[in-house]
Amino acid sequence: MDSAQALLAVMWVALTAYALLGGADFGAGVLDLLAGRSRTGMPQRRLIEHAIGPVWEANHVWLIFVLVLLWTGFPVVFASVMSTLYIPLTLAALGVIARGAAFAFRKASTELWQQRLFGGAFALSSVFTPFFLGVVAGGIASGRVPPGLAAGDLVTGWVNPTSLLGGVLAVGVCAYLAAAFLCDDAVRAGRAELAEAFRRKALVAAVAVGVVALAGIAVLHLDAPRLFSGLTGRAFPLVVASAVLGVASIALLWLRRYLLVRGAAVLAVAAVMWGWPVAQYPLMLPPRLTVSAAAARPEVTTTVLVVALVGALLVVPSLIWLFRLQHRMPYDSSG
């Protein structure tokens, strides 16, 4: 494994962390939208705020890290993606900003109309942001981002069946992750009724994701045959593992084994995340641009890799400690 391949692996580890942690964060906002009216949905919203309050901004560290590695280690890919898919990327960025501001303002608001306004902005942004990030992934994976500045079509590069499939799946997976995590949070907070509420939402989200994924087989076969071939070929064991783990997480959810549900759900999503690069390797931008052709000079990728590993030694323990503190923080239902 050369430095470019190692850098790509590190980048994908970080992207997987963002999909899991940031995904659960976005999914909490989706569940906030589905919690019900202001008074009846308040207990669920209080638990959501308790769960993500200390860590919701920290999750974006992974996305920033991925973008920096892509920019420095694979500049051709970075320029191509940013110029061809700048519309959905801009919408996703606006969603992140609106979401963060609305979440902060809702907690500081005292009037009901203000809480409803900022709560709506927080929840809707939590739907739009993962949707547009999934759209971007679909555009890249389906080979609609050719190398070069704005070389791809600025509209069909992201408005296409595979991109829309990616967006819908991203929202559904985020909602399922959040609901699965919140079940365990509710039990630890001593709120069995909230655990049941989130359990029902997790089961509905799981069924919805399963239906969309099955429909996606036909979509990929017709719209992205190269990706479909990779997923049913080299990456097929990961696809099977994801399906088995997904079913296992649903079974554990049905049995109310919430801590085990977390682990199974995380592994299922991670298997999906790693199925994509395995399916299209050694290509970074299908159908022609390979990892070796897209990588910067070896001295650059080696330097970036060393700096990234040193930075990880400093940042990762801090993030782990932050999550441990959040996990131990007592739940106050009064907010």
C-alpha atoms as a PDB file:
ATOM      1  CA  MET A   1       0.000   0.000   0.000  1.00  0.00           C
ATOM      2  CA  ASP A   2       1.484   3.343  -1.056  1.00  0.00           C
ATOM      3  CA  SER A   3       0.900   6.677   0.682  1.00  0.00           C
ATOM      4  CA  ALA A   4      -1.986   7.658  -1.618  1.00  0.00           C
ATOM      5  CA  GLN A   5      -3.862   4.441  -0.886  1.00  0.00           C
ATOM      6  CA  ALA A   6      -3.192   4.808   2.844  1.00  0.00           C
ATOM      7  CA  LEU A   7      -4.436   8.400   2.743  1.00  0.00           C
ATOM      8  CA  LEU A   8      -7.591   7.272   0.949  1.00  0.00           C
ATOM      9  CA  ALA A   9      -8.189   4.633   3.642  1.00  0.00           C
ATOM     10  CA  VAL A  10      -7.757   7.216   6.414  1.00  0.00           C
ATOM     11  CA  MET A  11     -10.131   9.548   4.596  1.00  0.00           C
ATOM     12  CA  TRP A  12     -12.735   6.807   4.345  1.00  0.00           C
ATOM     13  CA  VAL A  13     -12.424   5.967   8.035  1.00  0.00           C
ATOM     14  CA  ALA A  14     -13.170   9.619   8.805  1.00  0.00           C
ATOM     15  CA  LEU A  15     -16.066   9.665   6.334  1.00  0.00           C
ATOM     16  CA  THR A  16     -17.498   6.557   7.998  1.00  0.00           C
ATOM     17  CA  ALA A  17     -17.224   8.253  11.395  1.00  0.00           C
ATOM     18  CA  TYR A  18     -19.096  11.253  10.005  1.00  0.00           C
ATOM     19  CA  ALA A  19     -21.796   9.021   8.514  1.00  0.00           C
ATOM     20  CA  LEU A  20     -22.280   7.305  11.885  1.00  0.00           C
ATOM     21  CA  LEU A  21     -21.916  10.179  14.349  1.00  0.00           C
ATOM     22  CA  GLY A  22     -23.009  13.074  12.170  1.00  0.00           C
ATOM     23  CA  GLY A  23     -25.664  10.822  10.649  1.00  0.00           C
ATOM     24  CA  ALA A  24     -27.176  10.057  14.041  1.00  0.00           C
ATOM     25  CA  ASP A  25     -27.001  13.792  14.765  1.00  0.00           C
ATOM     26  CA  PHE A  26     -28.932  14.640  11.585  1.00  0.00           C
ATOM     27  CA  GLY A  27     -31.337  11.793  12.281  1.00  0.00           C
ATOM     28  CA  ALA A  28     -32.121  13.253  15.693  1.00  0.00           C
ATOM     29  CA  GLY A  29     -33.295  16.371  13.905  1.00  0.00           C
ATOM     30  CA  VAL A  30     -35.478  14.249  11.612  1.00  0.00           C
ATOM     31  CA  LEU A  31     -37.031  12.601  14.679  1.00  0.00           C
ATOM     32  CA  ASP A  32     -37.502  16.047  16.197  1.00  0.00           C
ATOM     33  CA  LEU A  33     -39.637  16.877  13.161  1.00  0.00           C
ATOM     34  CA  LEU A  34     -41.717  13.724  13.730  1.00  0.00           C
ATOM     35  CA  ALA A  35     -42.066  14.110  17.508  1.00  0.00           C
ATOM     36  CA  GLY A  36     -45.551  15.598  17.318  1.00  0.00           C
ATOM     37  CA  ARG A  37     -47.131  18.836  18.446  1.00  0.00           C
ATOM     38  CA  SER A  38     -45.345  21.243  20.757  1.00  0.00           C
ATOM     39  CA  ARG A  39     -46.723  19.955  24.054  1.00  0.00           C
ATOM     40  CA  THR A  40     -47.019  16.234  23.335  1.00  0.00           C
ATOM     41  CA  GLY A  41     -43.665  16.069  21.564  1.00  0.00           C
ATOM     42  CA  MET A  42     -41.744  18.038  24.192  1.00  0.00           C
ATOM     43  CA  PRO A  43     -40.438  14.992  26.163  1.00  0.00           C
ATOM     44  CA  GLN A  44     -38.933  13.483  23.001  1.00  0.00           C
ATOM     45  CA  ARG A  45     -37.418  16.819  21.999  1.00  0.00           C
ATOM     46  CA  ARG A  46     -35.926  17.254  25.482  1.00  0.00           C
ATOM     47  CA  LEU A  47     -34.223  13.880  25.234  1.00  0.00           C
ATOM     48  CA  ILE A  48     -32.941  14.688  21.735  1.00  0.00           C
ATOM     49  CA  GLU A  49     -31.461  17.954  22.992  1.00  0.00           C
ATOM     50  CA  HIS A  50     -29.877  16.127  25.923  1.00  0.00           C
ATOM     51  CA  ALA A  51     -28.376  13.484  23.641  1.00  0.00           C
ATOM     52  CA  ILE A  52     -26.841  15.755  20.996  1.00  0.00           C
ATOM     53  CA  GLY A  53     -26.361  19.008  22.898  1.00  0.00           C
ATOM     54  CA  PRO A  54     -22.713  18.569  23.998  1.00  0.00           C
ATOM     55  CA  VAL A  55     -21.475  16.857  20.818  1.00  0.00           C
ATOM     56  CA  TRP A  56     -23.495  18.007  17.817  1.00  0.00           C
ATOM     57  CA  GLU A  57     -20.894  20.523  16.575  1.00  0.00           C
ATOM     58  CA  ALA A  58     -17.983  18.166  17.266  1.00  0.00           C
ATOM     59  CA  ASN A  59     -19.352  15.702  14.718  1.00  0.00           C
ATOM     60  CA  HIS A  60     -18.577  18.108  11.864  1.00  0.00           C
ATOM     61  CA  VAL A  61     -14.863  17.756  12.627  1.00  0.00           C
ATOM     62  CA  TRP A  62     -14.948  14.540  10.591  1.00  0.00           C
ATOM     63  CA  LEU A  63     -16.416  16.260   7.537  1.00  0.00           C
ATOM     64  CA  ILE A  64     -13.869  19.077   7.681  1.00  0.00           C
ATOM     65  CA  PHE A  65     -11.095  16.513   8.045  1.00  0.00           C
ATOM     66  CA  VAL A  66     -12.309  14.610   4.963  1.00  0.00           C
ATOM     67  CA  LEU A  67     -12.525  17.776   2.867  1.00  0.00           C
ATOM     68  CA  VAL A  68      -9.003  18.853   3.839  1.00  0.00           C
ATOM     69  CA  LEU A  69      -7.566  15.415   2.999  1.00  0.00           C
ATOM     70  CA  LEU A  70      -9.399  15.390  -0.331  1.00  0.00           C
ATOM     71  CA  TRP A  71      -8.209  18.912  -1.165  1.00  0.00           C
ATOM     72  CA  THR A  72      -4.557  18.294  -0.378  1.00  0.00           C
ATOM     73  CA  GLY A  73      -4.209  14.620  -1.278  1.00  0.00           C
ATOM     74  CA  PHE A  74      -6.461  14.418  -4.335  1.00  0.00           C
ATOM     75  CA  PRO A  75      -6.773  17.967  -5.702  1.00  0.00           C
ATOM     76  CA  VAL A  76      -8.174  16.923  -9.096  1.00  0.00           C
ATOM     77  CA  VAL A  77     -11.047  15.080  -7.434  1.00  0.00           C
ATOM     78  CA  PHE A  78     -11.685  17.965  -5.030  1.00  0.00           C
ATOM     79  CA  ALA A  79     -11.825  20.533  -7.839  1.00  0.00           C
ATOM     80  CA  SER A  80     -14.030  18.337 -10.006  1.00  0.00           C
ATOM     81  CA  VAL A  81     -16.543  17.543  -7.269  1.00  0.00           C
ATOM     82  CA  MET A  82     -16.715  21.077  -5.902  1.00  0.00           C
ATOM     83  CA  SER A  83     -17.220  22.673  -9.311  1.00  0.00           C
ATOM     84  CA  THR A  84     -19.678  20.168 -10.795  1.00  0.00           C
ATOM     85  CA  LEU A  85     -21.745  19.580  -7.655  1.00  0.00           C
ATOM     86  CA  TYR A  86     -21.525  23.030  -6.109  1.00  0.00           C
ATOM     87  CA  ILE A  87     -25.314  23.469  -6.071  1.00  0.00           C
ATOM     88  CA  PRO A  88     -26.152  20.516  -3.770  1.00  0.00           C
ATOM     89  CA  LEU A  89     -22.968  21.133  -1.774  1.00  0.00           C
ATOM     90  CA  THR A  90     -23.987  24.754  -1.204  1.00  0.00           C
ATOM     91  CA  LEU A  91     -27.475  23.664  -0.160  1.00  0.00           C
ATOM     92  CA  ALA A  92     -25.971  21.141   2.263  1.00  0.00           C
ATOM     93  CA  ALA A  93     -23.662  23.810   3.714  1.00  0.00           C
ATOM     94  CA  LEU A  94     -26.580  26.214   4.148  1.00  0.00           C
ATOM     95  CA  GLY A  95     -28.459  23.408   5.878  1.00  0.00           C
ATOM     96  CA  VAL A  96     -25.597  22.872   8.324  1.00  0.00           C
ATOM     97  CA  ILE A  97     -25.480  26.601   9.115  1.00  0.00           C
ATOM     98  CA  ALA A  98     -29.255  27.000   9.461  1.00  0.00           C
ATOM     99  CA  ARG A  99     -29.460  23.857  11.555  1.00  0.00           C
ATOM    100  CA  GLY A 100     -26.779  24.957  13.988  1.00  0.00           C
ATOM    101  CA  ALA A 101     -28.164  28.471  14.403  1.00  0.00           C
ATOM    102  CA  ALA A 102     -31.731  27.226  14.841  1.00  0.00           C
ATOM    103  CA  PHE A 103     -30.715  24.622  17.433  1.00  0.00           C
ATOM    104  CA  ALA A 104     -28.865  27.231  19.475  1.00  0.00           C
ATOM    105  CA  PHE A 105     -31.648  29.826  19.230  1.00  0.00           C
ATOM    106  CA  ARG A 106     -34.385  27.341  20.137  1.00  0.00           C
ATOM    107  CA  LYS A 107     -32.661  26.490  23.406  1.00  0.00           C
ATOM    108  CA  ALA A 108     -32.328  30.197  24.229  1.00  0.00           C
ATOM    109  CA  SER A 109     -35.886  31.127  23.246  1.00  0.00           C
ATOM    110  CA  THR A 110     -38.595  31.622  25.860  1.00  0.00           C
ATOM    111  CA  GLU A 111     -41.618  32.342  23.668  1.00  0.00           C
ATOM    112  CA  LEU A 112     -43.522  29.384  22.207  1.00  0.00           C
ATOM    113  CA  TRP A 113     -43.713  30.895  18.710  1.00  0.00           C
ATOM    114  CA  GLN A 114     -39.952  31.382  18.694  1.00  0.00           C
ATOM    115  CA  GLN A 115     -39.361  27.794  19.794  1.00  0.00           C
ATOM    116  CA  ARG A 116     -41.680  26.590  17.029  1.00  0.00           C
ATOM    117  CA  LEU A 117     -39.949  28.752  14.409  1.00  0.00           C
ATOM    118  CA  PHE A 118     -36.408  27.713  15.320  1.00  0.00           C
ATOM    119  CA  GLY A 119     -37.467  24.141  15.998  1.00  0.00           C
ATOM    120  CA  GLY A 120     -38.968  23.900  12.525  1.00  0.00           C
ATOM    121  CA  ALA A 121     -35.814  25.320  10.966  1.00  0.00           C
ATOM    122  CA  PHE A 122     -33.667  22.864  12.936  1.00  0.00           C
ATOM    123  CA  ALA A 123     -35.801  19.872  11.965  1.00  0.00           C
ATOM    124  CA  LEU A 124     -36.208  20.724   8.276  1.00  0.00           C
ATOM    125  CA  SER A 125     -32.489  21.475   7.912  1.00  0.00           C
ATOM    126  CA  SER A 126     -31.800  18.076   9.450  1.00  0.00           C
ATOM    127  CA  VAL A 127     -33.720  16.522   6.561  1.00  0.00           C
ATOM    128  CA  PHE A 128     -32.312  18.664   3.752  1.00  0.00           C
ATOM    129  CA  THR A 129     -28.646  18.403   4.739  1.00  0.00           C
ATOM    130  CA  PRO A 130     -28.229  14.600   4.701  1.00  0.00           C
ATOM    131  CA  PHE A 131     -30.431  14.464   1.604  1.00  0.00           C
ATOM    132  CA  PHE A 132     -28.111  16.730  -0.365  1.00  0.00           C
ATOM    133  CA  LEU A 133     -25.001  14.985   0.965  1.00  0.00           C
ATOM    134  CA  GLY A 134     -26.487  11.692  -0.220  1.00  0.00           C
ATOM    135  CA  VAL A 135     -27.267  13.299  -3.573  1.00  0.00           C
ATOM    136  CA  VAL A 136     -23.595  14.282  -3.918  1.00  0.00           C
ATOM    137  CA  ALA A 137     -22.482  10.731  -3.124  1.00  0.00           C
ATOM    138  CA  GLY A 138     -24.889   9.372  -5.733  1.00  0.00           C
ATOM    139  CA  GLY A 139     -23.596  11.756  -8.388  1.00  0.00           C
ATOM    140  CA  ILE A 140     -19.997  10.730  -7.771  1.00  0.00           C
ATOM    141  CA  ALA A 141     -20.690   7.002  -7.521  1.00  0.00           C
ATOM    142  CA  SER A 142     -22.740   6.936 -10.724  1.00  0.00           C
ATOM    143  CA  GLY A 143     -19.891   8.491 -12.726  1.00  0.00           C
ATOM    144  CA  ARG A 144     -21.469  11.874 -13.374  1.00  0.00           C
ATOM    145  CA  VAL A 145     -18.474  13.901 -12.149  1.00  0.00           C
ATOM    146  CA  PRO A 146     -15.756  13.838 -14.823  1.00  0.00           C
ATOM    147  CA  PRO A 147     -12.300  15.276 -14.077  1.00  0.00           C
ATOM    148  CA  GLY A 148     -11.974  19.013 -14.678  1.00  0.00           C
ATOM    149  CA  LEU A 149     -13.489  22.281 -13.522  1.00  0.00           C
ATOM    150  CA  ALA A 150     -17.266  22.085 -13.970  1.00  0.00           C
ATOM    151  CA  ALA A 151     -16.721  19.413 -16.610  1.00  0.00           C
ATOM    152  CA  GLY A 152     -19.923  17.650 -15.628  1.00  0.00           C
ATOM    153  CA  ASP A 153     -23.469  18.853 -16.085  1.00  0.00           C
ATOM    154  CA  LEU A 154     -24.425  21.216 -13.260  1.00  0.00           C
ATOM    155  CA  VAL A 155     -28.002  19.894 -13.115  1.00  0.00           C
ATOM    156  CA  THR A 156     -28.031  16.250 -14.193  1.00  0.00           C
ATOM    157  CA  GLY A 157     -24.854  15.693 -12.167  1.00  0.00           C
ATOM    158  CA  TRP A 158     -27.081  15.608  -9.091  1.00  0.00           C
ATOM    159  CA  VAL A 159     -30.645  15.460 -10.389  1.00  0.00           C
ATOM    160  CA  ASN A 160     -30.691  11.826 -11.483  1.00  0.00           C
ATOM    161  CA  PRO A 161     -32.124   8.524 -10.172  1.00  0.00           C
ATOM    162  CA  THR A 162     -28.966   7.354  -8.375  1.00  0.00           C
ATOM    163  CA  SER A 163     -28.458  10.702  -6.640  1.00  0.00           C
ATOM    164  CA  LEU A 164     -32.087  10.861  -5.523  1.00  0.00           C
ATOM    165  CA  LEU A 165     -31.787   7.285  -4.256  1.00  0.00           C
ATOM    166  CA  GLY A 166     -28.674   8.270  -2.311  1.00  0.00           C
ATOM    167  CA  GLY A 167     -30.445  11.262  -0.793  1.00  0.00           C
ATOM    168  CA  VAL A 168     -33.503   9.328   0.334  1.00  0.00           C
ATOM    169  CA  LEU A 169     -31.378   6.496   1.742  1.00  0.00           C
ATOM    170  CA  ALA A 170     -29.200   8.986   3.629  1.00  0.00           C
ATOM    171  CA  VAL A 171     -32.217  10.532   5.366  1.00  0.00           C
ATOM    172  CA  GLY A 172     -33.684   7.119   6.197  1.00  0.00           C
ATOM    173  CA  VAL A 173     -30.427   5.693   7.543  1.00  0.00           C
ATOM    174  CA  CYS A 174     -29.841   8.813   9.663  1.00  0.00           C
ATOM    175  CA  ALA A 175     -33.334   8.537  11.148  1.00  0.00           C
ATOM    176  CA  TYR A 176     -32.811   4.856  11.950  1.00  0.00           C
ATOM    177  CA  LEU A 177     -29.411   5.428  13.564  1.00  0.00           C
ATOM    178  CA  ALA A 178     -30.764   8.236  15.722  1.00  0.00           C
ATOM    179  CA  ALA A 179     -33.828   6.266  16.819  1.00  0.00           C
ATOM    180  CA  ALA A 180     -31.703   3.213  17.666  1.00  0.00           C
ATOM    181  CA  PHE A 181     -29.291   5.330  19.704  1.00  0.00           C
ATOM    182  CA  LEU A 182     -32.065   7.242  21.472  1.00  0.00           C
ATOM    183  CA  CYS A 183     -33.729   4.031  22.646  1.00  0.00           C
ATOM    184  CA  ASP A 184     -30.696   3.253  24.790  1.00  0.00           C
ATOM    185  CA  ASP A 185     -30.419   6.901  25.885  1.00  0.00           C
ATOM    186  CA  ALA A 186     -34.050   6.840  27.017  1.00  0.00           C
ATOM    187  CA  VAL A 187     -33.530   3.660  29.047  1.00  0.00           C
ATOM    188  CA  ARG A 188     -30.468   5.118  30.755  1.00  0.00           C
ATOM    189  CA  ALA A 189     -32.488   8.260  31.519  1.00  0.00           C
ATOM    190  CA  GLY A 190     -35.181   6.137  33.171  1.00  0.00           C
ATOM    191  CA  ARG A 191     -37.808   7.042  30.565  1.00  0.00           C
ATOM    192  CA  ALA A 192     -39.176   3.693  29.383  1.00  0.00           C
ATOM    193  CA  GLU A 193     -42.097   5.362  27.590  1.00  0.00           C
ATOM    194  CA  LEU A 194     -39.678   7.402  25.460  1.00  0.00           C
ATOM    195  CA  ALA A 195     -37.693   4.262  24.659  1.00  0.00           C
ATOM    196  CA  GLU A 196     -40.906   2.694  23.357  1.00  0.00           C
ATOM    197  CA  ALA A 197     -41.687   5.767  21.275  1.00  0.00           C
ATOM    198  CA  PHE A 198     -38.260   5.789  19.661  1.00  0.00           C
ATOM    199  CA  ARG A 199     -38.406   2.013  19.237  1.00  0.00           C
ATOM    200  CA  ARG A 200     -41.544   2.370  17.135  1.00  0.00           C
ATOM    201  CA  LYS A 201     -39.911   5.085  15.031  1.00  0.00           C
ATOM    202  CA  ALA A 202     -36.789   2.941  14.576  1.00  0.00           C
ATOM    203  CA  LEU A 203     -38.862   0.002  13.335  1.00  0.00           C
ATOM    204  CA  VAL A 204     -40.735   2.213  10.858  1.00  0.00           C
ATOM    205  CA  ALA A 205     -37.449   3.757   9.647  1.00  0.00           C
ATOM    206  CA  ALA A 206     -35.886   0.307   9.271  1.00  0.00           C
ATOM    207  CA  VAL A 207     -38.775  -0.941   7.133  1.00  0.00           C
ATOM    208  CA  ALA A 208     -38.676   2.215   5.023  1.00  0.00           C
ATOM    209  CA  VAL A 209     -34.923   1.930   4.453  1.00  0.00           C
ATOM    210  CA  GLY A 210     -35.300  -1.737   3.527  1.00  0.00           C
ATOM    211  CA  VAL A 211     -38.002  -0.970   0.954  1.00  0.00           C
ATOM    212  CA  VAL A 212     -35.971   1.872  -0.572  1.00  0.00           C
ATOM    213  CA  ALA A 213     -32.838  -0.286  -0.674  1.00  0.00           C
ATOM    214  CA  LEU A 214     -34.669  -3.085  -2.473  1.00  0.00           C
ATOM    215  CA  ALA A 215     -36.099  -0.601  -4.987  1.00  0.00           C
ATOM    216  CA  GLY A 216     -32.594   0.810  -5.336  1.00  0.00           C
ATOM    217  CA  ILE A 217     -31.367  -2.449  -6.838  1.00  0.00           C
ATOM    218  CA  ALA A 218     -33.399  -1.756  -9.970  1.00  0.00           C
ATOM    219  CA  VAL A 219     -32.384   1.906  -9.966  1.00  0.00           C
ATOM    220  CA  LEU A 220     -28.667   1.107  -9.874  1.00  0.00           C
ATOM    221  CA  HIS A 221     -29.022  -1.652 -12.446  1.00  0.00           C
ATOM    222  CA  LEU A 222     -30.596   0.786 -14.926  1.00  0.00           C
ATOM    223  CA  ASP A 223     -28.924   4.077 -14.035  1.00  0.00           C
ATOM    224  CA  ALA A 224     -25.476   3.118 -12.698  1.00  0.00           C
ATOM    225  CA  PRO A 225     -24.593  -0.314 -14.175  1.00  0.00           C
ATOM    226  CA  ARG A 226     -20.879   0.028 -13.392  1.00  0.00           C
ATOM    227  CA  LEU A 227     -21.597   0.642  -9.706  1.00  0.00           C
ATOM    228  CA  PHE A 228     -24.195  -2.138  -9.695  1.00  0.00           C
ATOM    229  CA  SER A 229     -21.635  -4.532 -11.146  1.00  0.00           C
ATOM    230  CA  GLY A 230     -19.111  -3.645  -8.448  1.00  0.00           C
ATOM    231  CA  LEU A 231     -21.648  -4.026  -5.630  1.00  0.00           C
ATOM    232  CA  THR A 232     -22.753  -7.419  -6.910  1.00  0.00           C
ATOM    233  CA  GLY A 233     -19.176  -8.490  -7.569  1.00  0.00           C
ATOM    234  CA  ARG A 234     -16.161  -7.523  -5.494  1.00  0.00           C
ATOM    235  CA  ALA A 235     -18.189  -5.705  -2.801  1.00  0.00           C
ATOM    236  CA  PHE A 236     -20.950  -8.319  -2.576  1.00  0.00           C
ATOM    237  CA  PRO A 237     -19.728  -9.766   0.783  1.00  0.00           C
ATOM    238  CA  LEU A 238     -20.021  -6.290   2.321  1.00  0.00           C
ATOM    239  CA  VAL A 239     -23.496  -5.869   0.854  1.00  0.00           C
ATOM    240  CA  VAL A 240     -24.550  -9.215   2.337  1.00  0.00           C
ATOM    241  CA  ALA A 241     -22.946  -8.328   5.681  1.00  0.00           C
ATOM    242  CA  SER A 242     -24.840  -5.039   5.744  1.00  0.00           C
ATOM    243  CA  ALA A 243     -28.137  -6.795   5.027  1.00  0.00           C
ATOM    244  CA  VAL A 244     -27.545  -9.456   7.696  1.00  0.00           C
ATOM    245  CA  LEU A 245     -26.493  -6.881  10.286  1.00  0.00           C
ATOM    246  CA  GLY A 246     -29.463  -4.721   9.406  1.00  0.00           C
ATOM    247  CA  VAL A 247     -31.873  -7.607   9.960  1.00  0.00           C
ATOM    248  CA  ALA A 248     -30.047  -8.480  13.187  1.00  0.00           C
ATOM    249  CA  SER A 249     -30.410  -4.918  14.455  1.00  0.00           C
ATOM    250  CA  ILE A 250     -34.159  -5.028  13.733  1.00  0.00           C
ATOM    251  CA  ALA A 251     -34.477  -8.346  15.596  1.00  0.00           C
ATOM    252  CA  LEU A 252     -32.565  -6.942  18.558  1.00  0.00           C
ATOM    253  CA  LEU A 253     -34.747  -3.846  18.448  1.00  0.00           C
ATOM    254  CA  TRP A 254     -37.836  -6.030  18.551  1.00  0.00           C
ATOM    255  CA  LEU A 255     -36.379  -7.809  21.606  1.00  0.00           C
ATOM    256  CA  ARG A 256     -35.518  -4.436  23.202  1.00  0.00           C
ATOM    257  CA  ARG A 257     -31.802  -5.215  23.432  1.00  0.00           C
ATOM    258  CA  TYR A 258     -30.985  -1.585  22.853  1.00  0.00           C
ATOM    259  CA  LEU A 259     -27.262  -1.593  23.569  1.00  0.00           C
ATOM    260  CA  LEU A 260     -26.731  -4.438  21.105  1.00  0.00           C
ATOM    261  CA  VAL A 261     -28.930  -2.626  18.591  1.00  0.00           C
ATOM    262  CA  ARG A 262     -26.425   0.226  18.579  1.00  0.00           C
ATOM    263  CA  GLY A 263     -23.558  -2.064  17.670  1.00  0.00           C
ATOM    264  CA  ALA A 264     -25.451  -3.927  14.945  1.00  0.00           C
ATOM    265  CA  ALA A 265     -26.760  -0.698  13.380  1.00  0.00           C
ATOM    266  CA  VAL A 266     -23.290   0.872  13.384  1.00  0.00           C
ATOM    267  CA  LEU A 267     -21.720  -2.176  11.727  1.00  0.00           C
ATOM    268  CA  ALA A 268     -24.504  -2.362   9.127  1.00  0.00           C
ATOM    269  CA  VAL A 269     -24.009   1.266   8.078  1.00  0.00           C
ATOM    270  CA  ALA A 270     -20.214   0.891   8.115  1.00  0.00           C
ATOM    271  CA  ALA A 271     -20.490  -2.107   5.785  1.00  0.00           C
ATOM    272  CA  VAL A 272     -22.521  -0.017   3.333  1.00  0.00           C
ATOM    273  CA  MET A 273     -20.012   2.813   3.531  1.00  0.00           C
ATOM    274  CA  TRP A 274     -17.089   0.520   2.721  1.00  0.00           C
ATOM    275  CA  GLY A 275     -18.994  -1.301   0.010  1.00  0.00           C
ATOM    276  CA  TRP A 276     -18.926   1.816  -2.171  1.00  0.00           C
ATOM    277  CA  PRO A 277     -15.116   2.270  -2.425  1.00  0.00           C
ATOM    278  CA  VAL A 278     -14.547  -1.483  -2.682  1.00  0.00           C
ATOM    279  CA  ALA A 279     -17.048  -1.638  -5.551  1.00  0.00           C
ATOM    280  CA  GLN A 280     -15.367   1.066  -7.627  1.00  0.00           C
ATOM    281  CA  TYR A 281     -11.688   0.713  -6.618  1.00  0.00           C
ATOM    282  CA  PRO A 282      -9.227   1.676  -8.098  1.00  0.00           C
ATOM    283  CA  LEU A 283     -11.406   4.441  -9.569  1.00  0.00           C
ATOM    284  CA  MET A 284     -12.024   7.669  -7.682  1.00  0.00           C
ATOM    285  CA  LEU A 285     -14.098   9.338 -10.373  1.00  0.00           C
ATOM    286  CA  PRO A 286     -15.688   6.703 -12.578  1.00  0.00           C
ATOM    287  CA  PRO A 287     -15.304   5.723 -15.313  1.00  0.00           C
ATOM    288  CA  ARG A 288     -11.606   6.579 -15.787  1.00  0.00           C
ATOM    289  CA  LEU A 289      -9.832   8.558 -13.039  1.00  0.00           C
ATOM    290  CA  THR A 290      -7.912   6.162 -10.784  1.00  0.00           C
ATOM    291  CA  VAL A 291      -6.504   6.705  -7.308  1.00  0.00           C
ATOM    292  CA  SER A 292      -2.910   6.854  -8.563  1.00  0.00           C
ATOM    293  CA  ALA A 293      -3.773   9.342 -11.324  1.00  0.00           C
ATOM    294  CA  ALA A 294      -5.776  11.571  -8.975  1.00  0.00           C
ATOM    295  CA  ALA A 295      -3.262  11.618  -6.111  1.00  0.00           C
ATOM    296  CA  ALA A 296      -0.861  14.455  -5.469  1.00  0.00           C
ATOM    297  CA  ARG A 297       2.898  13.853  -5.563  1.00  0.00           C
ATOM    298  CA  PRO A 298       4.131  11.114  -3.177  1.00  0.00           C
ATOM    299  CA  GLU A 299       5.940  13.615  -0.944  1.00  0.00           C
ATOM    300  CA  VAL A 300       2.678  15.535  -0.541  1.00  0.00           C
ATOM    301  CA  THR A 301       0.523  12.504   0.266  1.00  0.00           C
ATOM    302  CA  THR A 302       3.155  11.172   2.672  1.00  0.00           C
ATOM    303  CA  THR A 303       3.373  14.502   4.498  1.00  0.00           C
ATOM    304  CA  VAL A 304      -0.393  14.842   4.700  1.00  0.00           C
ATOM    305  CA  LEU A 305      -0.679  11.287   5.987  1.00  0.00           C
ATOM    306  CA  VAL A 306       1.872  11.904   8.746  1.00  0.00           C
ATOM    307  CA  VAL A 307       0.212  15.182   9.765  1.00  0.00           C
ATOM    308  CA  ALA A 308      -3.218  13.502   9.764  1.00  0.00           C
ATOM    309  CA  LEU A 309      -2.002  10.699  12.010  1.00  0.00           C
ATOM    310  CA  VAL A 310      -0.353  13.145  14.425  1.00  0.00           C
ATOM    311  CA  GLY A 311      -3.521  15.216  14.482  1.00  0.00           C
ATOM    312  CA  ALA A 312      -5.577  12.097  15.160  1.00  0.00           C
ATOM    313  CA  LEU A 313      -3.439  11.354  18.220  1.00  0.00           C
ATOM    314  CA  LEU A 314      -4.389  14.778  19.565  1.00  0.00           C
ATOM    315  CA  VAL A 315      -8.034  15.030  18.493  1.00  0.00           C
ATOM    316  CA  VAL A 316      -9.447  11.499  18.754  1.00  0.00           C
ATOM    317  CA  PRO A 317      -8.780  11.077  22.521  1.00  0.00           C
ATOM    318  CA  SER A 318     -10.441  14.456  23.115  1.00  0.00           C
ATOM    319  CA  LEU A 319     -13.504  13.410  21.137  1.00  0.00           C
ATOM    320  CA  ILE A 320     -13.693  10.087  22.979  1.00  0.00           C
ATOM    321  CA  TRP A 321     -13.505  11.900  26.304  1.00  0.00           C
ATOM    322  CA  LEU A 322     -16.216  14.328  25.170  1.00  0.00           C
ATOM    323  CA  PHE A 323     -18.545  11.462  24.272  1.00  0.00           C
ATOM    324  CA  ARG A 324     -17.821   9.727  27.567  1.00  0.00           C
ATOM    325  CA  LEU A 325     -18.709  12.895  29.474  1.00  0.00           C
ATOM    326  CA  GLN A 326     -21.897  13.247  27.460  1.00  0.00           C
ATOM    327  CA  HIS A 327     -22.751   9.617  28.164  1.00  0.00           C
ATOM    328  CA  ARG A 328     -22.390  10.191  31.918  1.00  0.00           C
ATOM    329  CA  MET A 329     -24.267  13.498  31.999  1.00  0.00           C
ATOM    330  CA  PRO A 330     -27.486  13.147  34.065  1.00  0.00           C
ATOM    331  CA  TYR A 331     -30.744  13.689  32.200  1.00  0.00           C
ATOM    332  CA  ASP A 332     -32.880  16.645  33.277  1.00  0.00           C
ATOM    333  CA  SER A 333     -36.350  16.400  31.754  1.00  0.00           C
ATOM    334  CA  SER A 334     -37.067  20.040  32.567  1.00  0.00           C
ATOM    335  CA  GLY A 335     -34.433  21.098  30.001  1.00  0.00           C
END
